[in-house]
């Protein structure tokens, strides 16, 4: 019998549900996702401050439940204090649990690098304050932002209710703003973006990545598992096929 790999997620909503992207990408694989919720009250620096100290406790809970690798599935939650903080958060989780750990901020950078994107247009759900912090975070990795625009959503539950048409139009605007972007990033794990990867790549002629899908891809990679998932965009293509496309 093929062993089932258990991967742990620390998610912002209190309910602690597994985001839909994981099962959509990896159903039929010998992998099971489990989650614990932080109970984030609001998407803001103040909201993150009120819950970030719970991360290690939840990581330990996930490890005790059998998780073999763990990710903090919150992008702004992990980048809002900068690169050193994101790295320290990941490293403290790793030391406490003894398993590979990562965050969604590490995931978006890894996905941009895999897609060879050094100039990126960004669509977010964030306020201007968080957008500015994201630009600074990416600059530390020599990734330039050609244009960033957010929806100024601070209600955690409202993010998943944003229509695909709104996200598509936002993506078009940030790319059309100029600056010769090499790709598009949706940043905000609560936005439902996976089904937009393929149509936007065809429409814009650029590779697309986004927080939640990249978060699952990164966690699979960190766990040493096969992270490709055909028909979900260039990020999920097998390595050889991606190299040919490039």
Protein backbone atom coordinates (compact mmCIF):
# COMPACT_ATOMS: atom_id res chain seq x y z
CA UNK A 1 0.00 0.00 0.00
CA UNK A 2 1.31 3.44 -0.94
CA UNK A 3 1.94 5.54 2.19
CA UNK A 4 -0.11 8.70 2.53
CA UNK A 5 1.87 11.87 3.19
CA UNK A 6 0.25 14.26 5.66
CA UNK A 7 0.93 17.95 5.10
CA UNK A 8 -0.04 20.65 7.59
CA UNK A 9 -1.47 24.11 6.94
CA UNK A 10 -1.75 27.07 9.29
CA UNK A 11 -4.54 29.18 7.81
CA UNK A 12 -5.85 32.64 8.81
CA UNK A 13 -9.60 31.85 9.28
CA UNK A 14 -10.60 30.50 12.67
CA UNK A 15 -12.47 27.53 11.16
CA UNK A 16 -9.18 25.97 10.11
CA UNK A 17 -10.48 24.47 6.87
CA UNK A 18 -8.20 23.19 4.10
CA UNK A 19 -8.32 25.69 1.19
CA UNK A 20 -9.96 24.25 -1.92
CA UNK A 21 -6.84 24.62 -4.09
CA UNK A 22 -5.02 21.73 -2.43
CA UNK A 23 -7.58 19.04 -3.25
CA UNK A 24 -8.15 20.58 -6.71
CA UNK A 25 -4.44 20.34 -7.51
CA UNK A 26 -3.54 17.03 -5.90
CA UNK A 27 -6.62 14.83 -5.63
CA UNK A 28 -5.75 11.24 -6.42
CA UNK A 29 -2.26 11.64 -4.97
CA UNK A 30 -1.11 9.87 -1.80
CA UNK A 31 -1.26 13.12 0.16
CA UNK A 32 -3.66 14.46 2.79
CA UNK A 33 -3.83 18.06 3.94
CA UNK A 34 -4.78 18.99 7.49
CA UNK A 35 -5.25 22.53 8.82
CA UNK A 36 -5.43 24.64 11.96
CA UNK A 37 -6.89 28.16 12.06
CA UNK A 38 -5.31 31.28 13.55
CA UNK A 39 -8.56 33.19 13.96
CA UNK A 40 -7.27 36.31 12.19
CA UNK A 41 -9.72 39.12 13.02
CA UNK A 42 -8.80 41.52 10.21
CA UNK A 43 -6.33 41.63 7.31
CA UNK A 44 -3.99 44.32 8.62
CA UNK A 45 -0.69 44.64 10.45
CA UNK A 46 -2.61 45.05 13.70
CA UNK A 47 -4.61 41.92 12.98
CA UNK A 48 -1.46 39.94 12.25
CA UNK A 49 0.15 41.16 15.47
CA UNK A 50 -2.77 39.74 17.43
CA UNK A 51 -2.36 36.18 16.10
CA UNK A 52 1.22 35.64 14.93
CA UNK A 53 2.36 34.36 18.32
CA UNK A 54 -0.04 31.40 17.88
CA UNK A 55 1.84 30.04 14.87
CA UNK A 56 4.32 27.87 16.78
CA UNK A 57 1.60 26.32 18.93
CA UNK A 58 -0.44 25.42 15.87
CA UNK A 59 2.65 24.05 14.12
CA UNK A 60 3.22 21.74 17.07
CA UNK A 61 -0.44 20.67 17.00
CA UNK A 62 -0.10 19.80 13.32
CA UNK A 63 3.09 17.85 13.96
CA UNK A 64 1.38 15.90 16.72
CA UNK A 65 -1.44 15.16 14.27
CA UNK A 66 1.09 13.59 11.89
CA UNK A 67 2.12 16.46 9.61
CA UNK A 68 5.36 15.70 7.79
CA UNK A 69 5.79 19.27 6.49
CA UNK A 70 4.02 22.50 7.44
CA UNK A 71 3.26 25.85 5.80
CA UNK A 72 1.90 29.14 7.11
CA UNK A 73 -0.69 29.73 4.40
CA UNK A 74 -0.90 33.48 4.79
CA UNK A 75 1.09 35.75 2.49
CA UNK A 76 0.83 39.16 4.14
CA UNK A 77 0.88 37.48 7.55
CA UNK A 78 4.39 36.24 6.79
CA UNK A 79 5.80 39.20 4.81
CA UNK A 80 4.38 42.13 6.78
CA UNK A 81 7.44 42.49 9.01
CA UNK A 82 9.96 41.87 6.25
CA UNK A 83 12.32 39.15 5.06
CA UNK A 84 14.16 38.56 8.33
CA UNK A 85 10.88 38.01 10.16
CA UNK A 86 9.56 35.60 7.53
CA UNK A 87 12.77 33.59 7.64
CA UNK A 88 12.80 33.55 11.44
CA UNK A 89 9.17 32.40 11.55
CA UNK A 90 9.92 29.53 9.16
CA UNK A 91 13.09 28.55 10.99
CA UNK A 92 11.46 28.61 14.44
CA UNK A 93 8.69 26.36 13.14
CA UNK A 94 11.26 23.97 11.72
CA UNK A 95 13.26 23.86 14.95
CA UNK A 96 10.15 23.35 17.09
CA UNK A 97 8.60 20.61 14.98
CA UNK A 98 11.60 18.87 13.44
CA UNK A 99 9.93 18.78 10.00
CA UNK A 100 10.35 20.91 6.85
CA UNK A 101 8.46 24.21 7.14
CA UNK A 102 7.71 27.13 4.86
CA UNK A 103 5.38 30.11 4.47
CA UNK A 104 3.28 31.52 1.68
CA UNK A 105 5.70 34.43 1.33
CA UNK A 106 8.51 31.99 0.63
CA UNK A 107 6.15 30.25 -1.79
CA UNK A 108 5.42 33.28 -3.96
CA UNK A 109 9.12 34.10 -4.28
CA UNK A 110 9.93 30.48 -5.15
CA UNK A 111 7.18 30.45 -7.77
CA UNK A 112 8.35 33.72 -9.35
CA UNK A 113 11.87 32.34 -9.55
CA UNK A 114 10.69 29.10 -11.14
CA UNK A 115 8.83 31.09 -13.77
CA UNK A 116 11.87 33.37 -14.32
CA UNK A 117 9.85 36.46 -13.40
CA UNK A 118 12.02 39.37 -12.26
CA UNK A 119 9.56 42.12 -13.22
CA UNK A 120 6.06 41.43 -12.01
CA UNK A 121 2.63 43.06 -12.12
CA UNK A 122 0.66 42.35 -8.95
CA UNK A 123 -3.05 42.18 -8.17
CA UNK A 124 -3.96 41.88 -4.49
CA UNK A 125 -6.80 42.05 -2.04
CA UNK A 126 -4.73 44.33 0.22
CA UNK A 127 -4.80 47.89 1.42
CA UNK A 128 -2.14 50.29 0.15
CA UNK A 129 -0.12 49.79 3.35
CA UNK A 130 0.22 46.05 2.78
CA UNK A 131 0.88 46.58 -0.92
CA UNK A 132 3.83 48.81 -0.03
CA UNK A 133 5.18 46.17 2.35
CA UNK A 134 4.92 43.53 -0.36
CA UNK A 135 6.86 45.69 -2.81
CA UNK A 136 9.62 46.09 -0.21
CA UNK A 137 9.63 42.36 0.53
CA UNK A 138 10.05 41.43 -3.12
CA UNK A 139 12.73 44.08 -3.66
CA UNK A 140 14.92 42.18 -1.20
CA UNK A 141 14.94 39.34 -3.76
CA UNK A 142 15.67 41.69 -6.67
CA UNK A 143 12.11 41.33 -7.97
CA UNK A 144 10.79 44.62 -9.35
CA UNK A 145 7.09 45.47 -9.25
CA UNK A 146 5.88 47.22 -12.40
CA UNK A 147 2.42 47.93 -10.99
CA UNK A 148 0.49 46.86 -7.89
CA UNK A 149 -3.19 47.42 -7.16
CA UNK A 150 -5.33 46.06 -4.35
CA UNK A 151 -9.00 45.72 -3.51
CA UNK A 152 -8.58 47.11 0.04
CA UNK A 153 -10.38 44.15 1.62
CA UNK A 154 -9.76 43.69 5.34
CA UNK A 155 -12.55 41.20 6.10
CA UNK A 156 -11.06 37.70 6.03
CA UNK A 157 -14.24 35.95 4.89
CA UNK A 158 -14.95 38.50 2.14
CA UNK A 159 -11.84 37.56 0.16
CA UNK A 160 -13.23 34.26 -1.10
CA UNK A 161 -16.37 36.08 -2.31
CA UNK A 162 -14.56 38.26 -4.86
CA UNK A 163 -15.91 37.30 -8.32
CA UNK A 164 -13.56 35.85 -10.90
CA UNK A 165 -14.57 38.66 -13.28
CA UNK A 166 -13.33 41.27 -10.80
CA UNK A 167 -9.99 39.48 -10.43
CA UNK A 168 -9.62 39.06 -14.20
CA UNK A 169 -10.22 42.77 -14.78
CA UNK A 170 -7.79 43.69 -12.00
CA UNK A 171 -5.13 41.47 -13.57
CA UNK A 172 -5.68 43.13 -16.95
CA UNK A 173 -5.29 46.60 -15.41
CA UNK A 174 -2.02 45.96 -13.60
CA UNK A 175 -0.45 44.34 -16.65
CA UNK A 176 -1.70 47.08 -19.00
CA UNK A 177 -0.21 49.77 -16.74
CA UNK A 178 3.14 49.24 -18.43
CA UNK A 179 6.64 48.60 -17.20
CA UNK A 180 7.09 45.47 -19.32
CA UNK A 181 6.16 42.87 -16.68
CA UNK A 182 7.40 39.33 -17.24
CA UNK A 183 4.52 37.81 -15.33
CA UNK A 184 1.52 38.32 -13.07
CA UNK A 185 1.14 37.62 -9.35
CA UNK A 186 -2.10 37.49 -7.38
CA UNK A 187 -1.08 38.01 -3.76
CA UNK A 188 -3.58 37.13 -1.05
CA UNK A 189 -4.30 33.55 -0.04
CA UNK A 190 -8.01 34.13 0.42
CA UNK A 191 -8.63 35.06 -3.22
CA UNK A 192 -9.84 32.20 -5.44
CA UNK A 193 -7.41 32.41 -8.33
CA UNK A 194 -6.45 28.88 -9.41
CA UNK A 195 -9.01 28.67 -12.21
CA UNK A 196 -7.75 31.99 -13.62
CA UNK A 197 -4.18 30.81 -14.26
CA UNK A 198 -4.77 29.15 -17.63
CA UNK A 199 -7.18 31.71 -19.17
CA UNK A 200 -5.04 34.65 -18.02
CA UNK A 201 -1.85 33.08 -19.32
CA UNK A 202 -3.55 32.66 -22.69
CA UNK A 203 -5.04 36.17 -22.64
CA UNK A 204 -1.99 38.06 -21.38
CA UNK A 205 0.73 35.94 -22.91
CA UNK A 206 2.50 35.89 -19.52
CA UNK A 207 3.02 33.28 -16.80
CA UNK A 208 0.74 33.62 -13.77
CA UNK A 209 1.22 32.65 -10.16
CA UNK A 210 -0.84 33.30 -7.05
CA UNK A 211 -0.66 32.88 -3.30
CA UNK A 212 -2.75 29.84 -2.46
CA UNK A 213 -1.85 27.67 -5.48
CA UNK A 214 1.82 28.60 -5.07
CA UNK A 215 1.53 27.83 -1.37
CA UNK A 216 0.44 24.27 -2.07
CA UNK A 217 3.04 23.85 -4.84
CA UNK A 218 5.75 25.07 -2.46
CA UNK A 219 4.63 22.85 0.42
CA UNK A 220 4.64 19.80 -1.83
CA UNK A 221 8.12 20.75 -3.03
CA UNK A 222 9.44 21.34 0.49
CA UNK A 223 8.03 17.96 1.51
CA UNK A 224 9.96 16.30 -1.32
CA UNK A 225 6.81 15.35 -3.25
CA UNK A 226 5.94 15.76 -6.94
CA UNK A 227 4.36 19.22 -7.20
CA UNK A 228 3.37 19.29 -10.86
CA UNK A 229 -0.32 19.32 -11.76
CA UNK A 230 -1.04 19.59 -15.49
CA UNK A 231 -3.76 21.90 -16.80
CA UNK A 232 -3.33 24.40 -13.94
CA UNK A 233 -0.87 26.75 -15.60
CA UNK A 234 2.83 27.02 -16.22
CA UNK A 235 3.85 26.86 -12.56
CA UNK A 236 2.46 23.35 -12.37
CA UNK A 237 4.01 22.01 -15.55
CA UNK A 238 6.63 19.27 -15.16
CA UNK A 239 10.15 20.70 -15.20
CA UNK A 240 11.08 19.52 -18.70
CA UNK A 241 7.91 20.94 -20.24
CA UNK A 242 8.36 24.28 -18.47
CA UNK A 243 11.93 24.56 -19.78
CA UNK A 244 10.73 23.94 -23.35
CA UNK A 245 8.02 26.60 -22.96
CA UNK A 246 10.58 29.10 -21.70
